[in-house]
Every structure is written in C-alpha cells, then in structure tokens.
Amino acid sequence: MTQSAPTPRPVPDPDPAPLALVTGASSGIGRELARVFAENGFDLVIAAEDAGIERVESELRAHGGAVRAVRVDLRRPAGVDELHAACRAAGTLDAAALNAGVGQGGRFLDIDIADEQSLIDLNVSSTVRLAKHVLRDMVARGQGRVLITSSIASTMPGTYQAVYNASKSFLQSFAEAVQAELRDEEADVTVTSLMPGPTETNFFHRADMDDTTVGSSSKDDPAKVAEQGFEALLKGADKEFAGSATSKAQGRLSGLLPDRLKAAMHKRMAAPGSAGK
C-alpha cells in the first residue's frame, strides 16, 4: 500500500514589521520622518490634507514596506477619529509622529481670526485629540513611542507670529506634562518633543513670511531634523533640539534669556518686510 506524502507543516509567518503613523507627511519634516521610518523597516500610515500624500505613498513603497495614505483634514474632530480608525485597521501602532501643523505670520491685529482659529484647530486641538487616542492604545498594549513636533519657537514670545508660537508653547508644555504622567505607568510608553529651528520647507511661504528675515534666510535641512527626531524617538528622549549646531545652541540659550529680549529678537526676524534690512 502506497503511503501518501506527509502534509507539510505551515511555515509560521515572520514577525510583522513595526507600524508607525506620521501626520503632515506630504512635505517638509513630516515627509522626511516618513522616509526615515520606511528606511528603518516600518510599515506606515501617513496622513495629510492635500493630494501630495498619494505621491509620497508611492515613493515610500519603494522601500518595500506597506504604506497606507489617508487624505484627511485633521482640523475636524471627525477627521482625527477617521485617521485613528485607519491606524487600527492597519495594525498596532508602535510609533506615532504627530507632526501636522501650519504657521501664520503678520501683525496679530491684522490677521483674520478664522485663519488663527484654523491654526489652533490643527496645531493644538488635533494633536491633543490624536494623542489621546494613540497613547491610550499604547498604554493598554504596554509599549509605544510618540513624537510631537514642537519648535524652538515654543521657547520665546512670537512677535509677528503670536498665535503660532503660542501653539508650539502649548505643545511643548503638553508633551512635558504627559511625559511626567507616563513615568507613573508600568507601560513602556514615551513622548518625545521634537524642537527644530527654522527648516527648509514650504512653512514660511504658506505662512506669508517670504518677505521676512527668517523667511528669506538659509535654513536647516529637513532630512537632518527628521533623522535626529527619529533617533530621539527610539531612545525615548524627553526632547530634541534638532537641526544645525546653531539651531541646537539657540534652543538651549533661549531658556536663559529674558522674555522681553526674546520678543525683541523675534520681532527683528519675523517683522513683515524685514528681509534684506
């Protein structure tokens, strides 16, 4: 009697790749953060409100990992919840870079309140809401890493960028407070604040600051900022002054200067029409 060949045992699936979320990933620091995650073997959920996010999705797939682009307006609470649902559908988040944000330059009294409310909704409200979702999931699981893009601007009064700098000051305080709370948890979950200086992105153009000293000056490489932020995230560092040596020094020095002096310095850099003066 001929014996049938033994049924081969199923080969166990290899460990799945870690999964990361990056918001504001269609350009600038967010795009570079997504690239660094992809280069380091992460699958990705990337989000932005513009059509460029689909182009970035195609670029990132060249690294071999799974990438899902979500085009969504995070100013809307429903948009944040939609993105969180997409993350859960993709798997379990190991890391999240909450990077989406916009700027707004100009004299406070001259700026339309709707523009400033839109900035607050994206920079502040969406970050808090998304962090709530992501961190609850991570603590329940027992591990995770979150990176929040703050700014060196968070350390100084933002003359001619009043609401923007205030939004980054909020994020800096928020990140540090949540860091302290998480130290009381048994879970290995950390929050890192990324604090870049002026960086070569479309930020200043979108903020109507092309004619300012800071808008027209040379700036840091977003790829370098992203790489430093990624390393800090993995280490679970509290914060990272990112970019050039000059930007790092500026961040550290800022804490030693009086606010009135910092406000005057910021005025010279951000005043409309100050370019070339």
C-alpha atoms as a PDB file:
ATOM      1  CA  MET A   1       0.000   0.000   0.000  1.00  0.00           C
ATOM      2  CA  THR A   2       1.445   3.324  -1.048  1.00  0.00           C
ATOM      3  CA  GLN A   3       1.699   5.820   1.728  1.00  0.00           C
ATOM      4  CA  SER A   4       0.672   9.362   0.956  1.00  0.00           C
ATOM      5  CA  ALA A   5       3.250  12.057   1.399  1.00  0.00           C
ATOM      6  CA  PRO A   6       3.070  13.775   4.777  1.00  0.00           C
ATOM      7  CA  THR A   7       1.231  17.051   4.818  1.00  0.00           C
ATOM      8  CA  PRO A   8       3.799  19.831   5.117  1.00  0.00           C
ATOM      9  CA  ARG A   9       3.575  21.908   8.235  1.00  0.00           C
ATOM     10  CA  PRO A  10       2.625  25.503   7.664  1.00  0.00           C
ATOM     11  CA  VAL A  11       5.585  27.863   7.813  1.00  0.00           C
ATOM     12  CA  PRO A  12       4.981  30.391  10.571  1.00  0.00           C
ATOM     13  CA  ASP A  13       4.694  33.969   9.417  1.00  0.00           C
ATOM     14  CA  PRO A  14       7.728  36.104  10.228  1.00  0.00           C
ATOM     15  CA  ASP A  15       7.326  38.787  12.819  1.00  0.00           C
ATOM     16  CA  PRO A  16       5.326  41.649  11.316  1.00  0.00           C
ATOM     17  CA  ALA A  17       7.110  44.897  10.622  1.00  0.00           C
ATOM     18  CA  PRO A  18       6.584  47.629  13.213  1.00  0.00           C
ATOM     19  CA  LEU A  19       3.904  50.157  12.312  1.00  0.00           C
ATOM     20  CA  ALA A  20       4.233  53.938  12.511  1.00  0.00           C
ATOM     21  CA  LEU A  21       1.885  56.864  11.926  1.00  0.00           C
ATOM     22  CA  VAL A  22       3.179  60.159  10.514  1.00  0.00           C
ATOM     23  CA  THR A  23       0.903  63.194  10.129  1.00  0.00           C
ATOM     24  CA  GLY A  24       1.681  66.164   7.929  1.00  0.00           C
ATOM     25  CA  ALA A  25       3.599  63.712   5.755  1.00  0.00           C
ATOM     26  CA  SER A  26       3.072  65.228   2.297  1.00  0.00           C
ATOM     27  CA  SER A  27       6.030  67.608   2.581  1.00  0.00           C
ATOM     28  CA  GLY A  28       8.713  69.039   4.823  1.00  0.00           C
ATOM     29  CA  ILE A  29       9.731  67.431   8.089  1.00  0.00           C
ATOM     30  CA  GLY A  30       6.763  65.041   8.018  1.00  0.00           C
ATOM     31  CA  ARG A  31       7.722  63.662   4.628  1.00  0.00           C
ATOM     32  CA  GLU A  32      11.293  63.148   5.797  1.00  0.00           C
ATOM     33  CA  LEU A  33      10.131  61.482   9.004  1.00  0.00           C
ATOM     34  CA  ALA A  34       8.055  59.046   6.947  1.00  0.00           C
ATOM     35  CA  ARG A  35      11.095  58.316   4.783  1.00  0.00           C
ATOM     36  CA  VAL A  36      13.286  57.583   7.817  1.00  0.00           C
ATOM     37  CA  PHE A  37      10.671  55.240   9.278  1.00  0.00           C
ATOM     38  CA  ALA A  38      10.382  53.419   5.936  1.00  0.00           C
ATOM     39  CA  GLU A  39      14.155  53.103   5.604  1.00  0.00           C
ATOM     40  CA  ASN A  40      14.261  51.538   9.053  1.00  0.00           C
ATOM     41  CA  GLY A  41      11.757  48.804   8.244  1.00  0.00           C
ATOM     42  CA  PHE A  42       8.485  50.316   9.453  1.00  0.00           C
ATOM     43  CA  ASP A  43       5.148  49.899   7.755  1.00  0.00           C
ATOM     44  CA  LEU A  44       3.368  53.232   7.621  1.00  0.00           C
ATOM     45  CA  VAL A  45       0.110  55.090   7.854  1.00  0.00           C
ATOM     46  CA  ILE A  46       0.736  58.597   6.515  1.00  0.00           C
ATOM     47  CA  ALA A  47      -1.708  61.479   6.597  1.00  0.00           C
ATOM     48  CA  ALA A  48      -2.128  64.953   5.148  1.00  0.00           C
ATOM     49  CA  GLU A  49      -4.966  67.076   3.802  1.00  0.00           C
ATOM     50  CA  ASP A  50      -3.536  67.615   0.291  1.00  0.00           C
ATOM     51  CA  ALA A  51      -3.216  65.380  -2.748  1.00  0.00           C
ATOM     52  CA  GLY A  52       0.565  65.226  -2.363  1.00  0.00           C
ATOM     53  CA  ILE A  53       0.122  62.472   0.206  1.00  0.00           C
ATOM     54  CA  GLU A  54      -0.654  59.973  -2.568  1.00  0.00           C
ATOM     55  CA  ARG A  55       2.620  60.822  -4.314  1.00  0.00           C
ATOM     56  CA  VAL A  56       4.542  60.288  -1.084  1.00  0.00           C
ATOM     57  CA  GLU A  57       2.743  56.970  -0.607  1.00  0.00           C
ATOM     58  CA  SER A  58       4.119  55.758  -3.957  1.00  0.00           C
ATOM     59  CA  GLU A  59       7.624  56.959  -3.134  1.00  0.00           C
ATOM     60  CA  LEU A  60       7.692  55.206   0.222  1.00  0.00           C
ATOM     61  CA  ARG A  61       6.538  51.873  -1.160  1.00  0.00           C
ATOM     62  CA  ALA A  62       9.882  51.650  -2.961  1.00  0.00           C
ATOM     63  CA  HIS A  63      11.389  50.796   0.433  1.00  0.00           C
ATOM     64  CA  GLY A  64       9.424  47.544   0.492  1.00  0.00           C
ATOM     65  CA  GLY A  65       7.058  48.105   3.389  1.00  0.00           C
ATOM     66  CA  ALA A  66       3.302  48.547   3.483  1.00  0.00           C
ATOM     67  CA  VAL A  67       2.162  52.162   3.215  1.00  0.00           C
ATOM     68  CA  ARG A  68      -1.364  53.498   3.557  1.00  0.00           C
ATOM     69  CA  ALA A  69      -2.075  57.133   2.770  1.00  0.00           C
ATOM     70  CA  VAL A  70      -5.044  58.839   4.413  1.00  0.00           C
ATOM     71  CA  ARG A  71      -6.084  62.186   2.992  1.00  0.00           C
ATOM     72  CA  VAL A  72      -7.885  63.878   5.837  1.00  0.00           C
ATOM     73  CA  ASP A  73      -8.480  67.298   7.388  1.00  0.00           C
ATOM     74  CA  LEU A  74      -7.304  66.960  10.977  1.00  0.00           C
ATOM     75  CA  ARG A  75      -8.835  70.305  11.911  1.00  0.00           C
ATOM     76  CA  ARG A  76     -12.111  68.407  12.177  1.00  0.00           C
ATOM     77  CA  PRO A  77     -12.517  66.094  15.194  1.00  0.00           C
ATOM     78  CA  ALA A  78     -14.175  63.615  12.837  1.00  0.00           C
ATOM     79  CA  GLY A  79     -11.034  63.694  10.698  1.00  0.00           C
ATOM     80  CA  VAL A  80      -8.866  62.776  13.682  1.00  0.00           C
ATOM     81  CA  ASP A  81     -11.195  59.924  14.561  1.00  0.00           C
ATOM     82  CA  GLU A  82     -11.166  58.735  10.937  1.00  0.00           C
ATOM     83  CA  LEU A  83      -7.360  58.632  10.950  1.00  0.00           C
ATOM     84  CA  HIS A  84      -7.303  56.739  14.233  1.00  0.00           C
ATOM     85  CA  ALA A  85      -9.691  54.172  12.797  1.00  0.00           C
ATOM     86  CA  ALA A  86      -7.421  53.776   9.760  1.00  0.00           C
ATOM     87  CA  CYS A  87      -4.465  53.141  12.066  1.00  0.00           C
ATOM     88  CA  ARG A  88      -6.337  50.457  13.965  1.00  0.00           C
ATOM     89  CA  ALA A  89      -7.353  48.822  10.698  1.00  0.00           C
ATOM     90  CA  ALA A  90      -3.700  48.758   9.609  1.00  0.00           C
ATOM     91  CA  GLY A  91      -2.464  47.055  12.778  1.00  0.00           C
ATOM     92  CA  THR A  92      -0.973  48.021  16.116  1.00  0.00           C
ATOM     93  CA  LEU A  93       0.937  51.279  16.254  1.00  0.00           C
ATOM     94  CA  ASP A  94       4.468  51.017  17.590  1.00  0.00           C
ATOM     95  CA  ALA A  95       5.240  54.692  16.952  1.00  0.00           C
ATOM     96  CA  ALA A  96       3.462  57.894  16.023  1.00  0.00           C
ATOM     97  CA  ALA A  97       4.893  61.197  14.807  1.00  0.00           C
ATOM     98  CA  LEU A  98       2.276  63.879  15.436  1.00  0.00           C
ATOM     99  CA  ASN A  99       3.746  66.441  13.105  1.00  0.00           C
ATOM    100  CA  ALA A 100       0.853  68.175  11.291  1.00  0.00           C
ATOM    101  CA  GLY A 101       0.890  71.932  11.709  1.00  0.00           C
ATOM    102  CA  VAL A 102       0.825  75.311   9.977  1.00  0.00           C
ATOM    103  CA  GLY A 103       2.203  78.773  10.627  1.00  0.00           C
ATOM    104  CA  GLN A 104       0.822  82.282  10.302  1.00  0.00           C
ATOM    105  CA  GLY A 105       2.939  85.404  10.146  1.00  0.00           C
ATOM    106  CA  GLY A 106       1.909  89.024  10.461  1.00  0.00           C
ATOM    107  CA  ARG A 107       0.605  91.570  12.936  1.00  0.00           C
ATOM    108  CA  PHE A 108      -1.899  89.976  15.300  1.00  0.00           C
ATOM    109  CA  LEU A 109      -4.454  92.763  14.848  1.00  0.00           C
ATOM    110  CA  ASP A 110      -4.335  92.389  11.061  1.00  0.00           C
ATOM    111  CA  ILE A 111      -4.851  88.627  10.777  1.00  0.00           C
ATOM    112  CA  ASP A 112      -8.328  87.223  10.237  1.00  0.00           C
ATOM    113  CA  ILE A 113      -9.479  85.338  13.330  1.00  0.00           C
ATOM    114  CA  ALA A 114     -10.675  82.460  11.126  1.00  0.00           C
ATOM    115  CA  ASP A 115      -7.091  81.865   9.995  1.00  0.00           C
ATOM    116  CA  GLU A 116      -5.850  81.812  13.574  1.00  0.00           C
ATOM    117  CA  GLN A 117      -8.652  79.508  14.691  1.00  0.00           C
ATOM    118  CA  SER A 118      -7.749  77.154  11.856  1.00  0.00           C
ATOM    119  CA  LEU A 119      -4.136  77.138  13.084  1.00  0.00           C
ATOM    120  CA  ILE A 120      -5.241  76.360  16.635  1.00  0.00           C
ATOM    121  CA  ASP A 121      -7.542  73.588  15.432  1.00  0.00           C
ATOM    122  CA  LEU A 122      -4.696  71.879  13.571  1.00  0.00           C
ATOM    123  CA  ASN A 123      -1.642  72.576  15.710  1.00  0.00           C
ATOM    124  CA  VAL A 124      -3.267  72.201  19.106  1.00  0.00           C
ATOM    125  CA  SER A 125      -6.686  70.556  19.056  1.00  0.00           C
ATOM    126  CA  SER A 126      -5.921  67.806  16.565  1.00  0.00           C
ATOM    127  CA  THR A 127      -2.651  66.916  18.307  1.00  0.00           C
ATOM    128  CA  VAL A 128      -4.343  66.605  21.686  1.00  0.00           C
ATOM    129  CA  ARG A 129      -7.201  64.524  20.299  1.00  0.00           C
ATOM    130  CA  LEU A 130      -4.942  62.206  18.308  1.00  0.00           C
ATOM    131  CA  ALA A 131      -2.501  61.838  21.204  1.00  0.00           C
ATOM    132  CA  LYS A 132      -5.417  60.797  23.424  1.00  0.00           C
ATOM    133  CA  HIS A 133      -6.358  58.004  21.022  1.00  0.00           C
ATOM    134  CA  VAL A 134      -2.817  56.830  20.314  1.00  0.00           C
ATOM    135  CA  LEU A 135      -1.493  56.924  23.866  1.00  0.00           C
ATOM    136  CA  ARG A 136      -4.491  55.087  25.307  1.00  0.00           C
ATOM    137  CA  ASP A 137      -3.897  52.295  22.793  1.00  0.00           C
ATOM    138  CA  MET A 138      -0.171  52.186  23.551  1.00  0.00           C
ATOM    139  CA  VAL A 139      -0.579  52.136  27.328  1.00  0.00           C
ATOM    140  CA  ALA A 140      -3.173  49.355  27.054  1.00  0.00           C
ATOM    141  CA  ARG A 141      -0.698  47.377  24.966  1.00  0.00           C
ATOM    142  CA  GLY A 142       2.239  48.187  27.256  1.00  0.00           C
ATOM    143  CA  GLN A 143       4.604  49.925  24.852  1.00  0.00           C
ATOM    144  CA  GLY A 144       4.911  52.631  22.236  1.00  0.00           C
ATOM    145  CA  ARG A 145       6.736  55.780  21.169  1.00  0.00           C
ATOM    146  CA  VAL A 146       5.206  59.167  20.319  1.00  0.00           C
ATOM    147  CA  LEU A 147       6.991  62.142  18.752  1.00  0.00           C
ATOM    148  CA  ILE A 148       5.328  65.565  18.908  1.00  0.00           C
ATOM    149  CA  THR A 149       6.713  68.278  16.652  1.00  0.00           C
ATOM    150  CA  SER A 150       7.082  71.365  18.790  1.00  0.00           C
ATOM    151  CA  SER A 151       9.638  74.029  17.858  1.00  0.00           C
ATOM    152  CA  ILE A 152      12.370  76.232  19.208  1.00  0.00           C
ATOM    153  CA  ALA A 153       9.657  78.868  18.712  1.00  0.00           C
ATOM    154  CA  SER A 154       7.951  77.375  21.762  1.00  0.00           C
ATOM    155  CA  THR A 155      10.644  78.917  23.977  1.00  0.00           C
ATOM    156  CA  MET A 156      10.035  82.554  23.014  1.00  0.00           C
ATOM    157  CA  PRO A 157       7.240  85.099  22.540  1.00  0.00           C
ATOM    158  CA  GLY A 158       6.389  85.105  18.851  1.00  0.00           C
ATOM    159  CA  THR A 159       6.278  88.741  17.847  1.00  0.00           C
ATOM    160  CA  TYR A 160       4.532  88.770  14.422  1.00  0.00           C
ATOM    161  CA  GLN A 161       3.836  85.062  14.918  1.00  0.00           C
ATOM    162  CA  ALA A 162       1.861  85.422  18.116  1.00  0.00           C
ATOM    163  CA  VAL A 163      -0.624  82.574  17.753  1.00  0.00           C
ATOM    164  CA  TYR A 164       1.808  80.176  16.060  1.00  0.00           C
ATOM    165  CA  ASN A 165       4.462  80.446  18.779  1.00  0.00           C
ATOM    166  CA  ALA A 166       1.776  80.160  21.430  1.00  0.00           C
ATOM    167  CA  SER A 167       0.520  76.958  19.796  1.00  0.00           C
ATOM    168  CA  LYS A 168       4.020  75.485  19.956  1.00  0.00           C
ATOM    169  CA  SER A 169       4.415  76.598  23.576  1.00  0.00           C
ATOM    170  CA  PHE A 170       1.199  74.720  24.302  1.00  0.00           C
ATOM    171  CA  LEU A 171       2.522  71.577  22.614  1.00  0.00           C
ATOM    172  CA  GLN A 172       5.803  71.797  24.496  1.00  0.00           C
ATOM    173  CA  SER A 173       4.067  72.109  27.857  1.00  0.00           C
ATOM    174  CA  PHE A 174       1.594  69.384  26.890  1.00  0.00           C
ATOM    175  CA  ALA A 175       4.348  66.961  25.863  1.00  0.00           C
ATOM    176  CA  GLU A 176       6.334  67.517  29.050  1.00  0.00           C
ATOM    177  CA  ALA A 177       3.274  67.075  31.264  1.00  0.00           C
ATOM    178  CA  VAL A 178       2.246  63.827  29.581  1.00  0.00           C
ATOM    179  CA  GLN A 179       5.849  62.605  29.831  1.00  0.00           C
ATOM    180  CA  ALA A 180       5.670  63.026  33.599  1.00  0.00           C
ATOM    181  CA  GLU A 181       2.337  61.211  33.817  1.00  0.00           C
ATOM    182  CA  LEU A 182       3.605  58.276  31.764  1.00  0.00           C
ATOM    183  CA  ARG A 183       6.520  57.764  34.136  1.00  0.00           C
ATOM    184  CA  ASP A 184       3.948  56.601  36.676  1.00  0.00           C
ATOM    185  CA  GLU A 185       2.669  53.925  34.296  1.00  0.00           C
ATOM    186  CA  GLU A 186       4.040  50.417  34.160  1.00  0.00           C
ATOM    187  CA  ALA A 187       3.889  50.536  30.371  1.00  0.00           C
ATOM    188  CA  ASP A 188       6.983  51.364  28.309  1.00  0.00           C
ATOM    189  CA  VAL A 189       5.398  54.337  26.551  1.00  0.00           C
ATOM    190  CA  THR A 190       7.263  57.585  25.940  1.00  0.00           C
ATOM    191  CA  VAL A 191       6.579  61.026  24.474  1.00  0.00           C
ATOM    192  CA  THR A 192       9.393  62.970  22.809  1.00  0.00           C
ATOM    193  CA  SER A 193       9.218  66.629  21.832  1.00  0.00           C
ATOM    194  CA  LEU A 194      10.970  67.499  18.556  1.00  0.00           C
ATOM    195  CA  MET A 195      12.152  71.124  18.600  1.00  0.00           C
ATOM    196  CA  PRO A 196      13.596  72.215  15.258  1.00  0.00           C
ATOM    197  CA  GLY A 197      14.749  75.700  14.354  1.00  0.00           C
ATOM    198  CA  PRO A 198      13.928  77.337  11.010  1.00  0.00           C
ATOM    199  CA  THR A 199      13.867  74.495   8.476  1.00  0.00           C
ATOM    200  CA  GLU A 200      13.897  74.481   4.658  1.00  0.00           C
ATOM    201  CA  THR A 201      10.268  73.614   3.932  1.00  0.00           C
ATOM    202  CA  ASN A 202       7.282  75.451   2.468  1.00  0.00           C
ATOM    203  CA  PHE A 203       6.308  76.545   6.004  1.00  0.00           C
ATOM    204  CA  PHE A 204       7.324  80.193   5.651  1.00  0.00           C
ATOM    205  CA  HIS A 205       5.757  80.568   2.215  1.00  0.00           C
ATOM    206  CA  ARG A 206       2.453  79.173   3.457  1.00  0.00           C
ATOM    207  CA  ALA A 207       2.664  81.478   6.489  1.00  0.00           C
ATOM    208  CA  ASP A 208       3.031  84.587   4.248  1.00  0.00           C
ATOM    209  CA  MET A 209       6.553  85.181   5.557  1.00  0.00           C
ATOM    210  CA  ASP A 210       8.637  85.236   2.370  1.00  0.00           C
ATOM    211  CA  ASP A 211       9.465  88.923   2.942  1.00  0.00           C
ATOM    212  CA  THR A 212      10.772  88.420   6.492  1.00  0.00           C
ATOM    213  CA  THR A 213      14.353  87.999   7.648  1.00  0.00           C
ATOM    214  CA  VAL A 214      13.733  84.449   8.828  1.00  0.00           C
ATOM    215  CA  GLY A 215      11.709  83.562   5.746  1.00  0.00           C
ATOM    216  CA  SER A 216      14.453  84.656   3.348  1.00  0.00           C
ATOM    217  CA  SER A 217      17.437  83.303   5.298  1.00  0.00           C
ATOM    218  CA  SER A 218      19.188  79.947   4.961  1.00  0.00           C
ATOM    219  CA  LYS A 219      17.587  77.183   6.980  1.00  0.00           C
ATOM    220  CA  ASP A 220      18.198  73.670   8.281  1.00  0.00           C
ATOM    221  CA  ASP A 221      17.857  70.505   6.218  1.00  0.00           C
ATOM    222  CA  PRO A 222      14.520  68.767   6.993  1.00  0.00           C
ATOM    223  CA  ALA A 223      16.143  65.366   6.405  1.00  0.00           C
ATOM    224  CA  LYS A 224      18.639  66.065   9.193  1.00  0.00           C
ATOM    225  CA  VAL A 225      15.877  67.255  11.513  1.00  0.00           C
ATOM    226  CA  ALA A 226      13.875  64.093  10.819  1.00  0.00           C
ATOM    227  CA  GLU A 227      16.819  61.765  11.394  1.00  0.00           C
ATOM    228  CA  GLN A 228      17.600  63.411  14.725  1.00  0.00           C
ATOM    229  CA  GLY A 229      13.945  63.250  15.714  1.00  0.00           C
ATOM    230  CA  PHE A 230      13.713  59.567  14.801  1.00  0.00           C
ATOM    231  CA  GLU A 231      16.776  58.722  16.893  1.00  0.00           C
ATOM    232  CA  ALA A 232      15.394  60.669  19.860  1.00  0.00           C
ATOM    233  CA  LEU A 233      12.048  58.890  19.492  1.00  0.00           C
ATOM    234  CA  LEU A 234      13.647  55.449  19.612  1.00  0.00           C
ATOM    235  CA  LYS A 235      15.657  56.417  22.689  1.00  0.00           C
ATOM    236  CA  GLY A 236      12.542  57.721  24.419  1.00  0.00           C
ATOM    237  CA  ALA A 237      14.245  61.080  24.983  1.00  0.00           C
ATOM    238  CA  ASP A 238      12.183  63.867  26.507  1.00  0.00           C
ATOM    239  CA  LYS A 239      13.121  66.418  23.842  1.00  0.00           C
ATOM    240  CA  GLU A 240      15.455  67.017  20.946  1.00  0.00           C
ATOM    241  CA  PHE A 241      16.686  70.405  19.749  1.00  0.00           C
ATOM    242  CA  ALA A 242      17.062  69.419  16.116  1.00  0.00           C
ATOM    243  CA  GLY A 243      18.874  70.748  13.075  1.00  0.00           C
ATOM    244  CA  SER A 244      22.209  72.500  12.813  1.00  0.00           C
ATOM    245  CA  ALA A 245      24.604  73.208  15.661  1.00  0.00           C
ATOM    246  CA  THR A 246      23.436  76.825  15.519  1.00  0.00           C
ATOM    247  CA  SER A 247      19.787  75.844  15.971  1.00  0.00           C
ATOM    248  CA  LYS A 248      20.644  73.497  18.817  1.00  0.00           C
ATOM    249  CA  ALA A 249      22.615  76.238  20.569  1.00  0.00           C
ATOM    250  CA  GLN A 250      19.789  78.717  20.031  1.00  0.00           C
ATOM    251  CA  GLY A 251      17.343  76.330  21.644  1.00  0.00           C
ATOM    252  CA  ARG A 252      19.498  75.821  24.706  1.00  0.00           C
ATOM    253  CA  LEU A 253      20.349  79.524  25.029  1.00  0.00           C
ATOM    254  CA  SER A 254      16.744  80.620  24.743  1.00  0.00           C
ATOM    255  CA  GLY A 255      15.914  79.346  28.209  1.00  0.00           C
ATOM    256  CA  LEU A 256      18.491  81.707  29.709  1.00  0.00           C
ATOM    257  CA  LEU A 257      17.271  84.935  28.102  1.00  0.00           C
ATOM    258  CA  PRO A 258      14.515  87.231  29.451  1.00  0.00           C
ATOM    259  CA  ASP A 259      11.235  87.074  27.548  1.00  0.00           C
ATOM    260  CA  ARG A 260      11.297  90.790  26.687  1.00  0.00           C
ATOM    261  CA  LEU A 261      14.648  90.369  24.929  1.00  0.00           C
ATOM    262  CA  LYS A 262      13.473  87.241  23.100  1.00  0.00           C
ATOM    263  CA  ALA A 263      10.345  89.078  21.929  1.00  0.00           C
ATOM    264  CA  ALA A 264      12.505  91.898  20.535  1.00  0.00           C
ATOM    265  CA  MET A 265      14.818  89.423  18.778  1.00  0.00           C
ATOM    266  CA  HIS A 266      11.854  87.595  17.264  1.00  0.00           C
ATOM    267  CA  LYS A 267      10.436  90.902  16.054  1.00  0.00           C
ATOM    268  CA  ARG A 268      13.586  91.585  14.044  1.00  0.00           C
ATOM    269  CA  MET A 269      13.401  88.153  12.453  1.00  0.00           C
ATOM    270  CA  ALA A 270       9.661  87.941  11.720  1.00  0.00           C
ATOM    271  CA  ALA A 271       8.531  91.526  11.044  1.00  0.00           C
ATOM    272  CA  PRO A 272       6.819  91.853   7.640  1.00  0.00           C
ATOM    273  CA  GLY A 273       9.182  93.476   5.136  1.00  0.00           C
ATOM    274  CA  SER A 274      12.285  92.833   7.251  1.00  0.00           C
ATOM    275  CA  ALA A 275      14.058  90.739   4.595  1.00  0.00           C
ATOM    276  CA  GLY A 276      17.287  92.382   3.468  1.00  0.00           C
ATOM    277  CA  LYS A 277      17.245  95.046   6.169  1.00  0.00           C
END
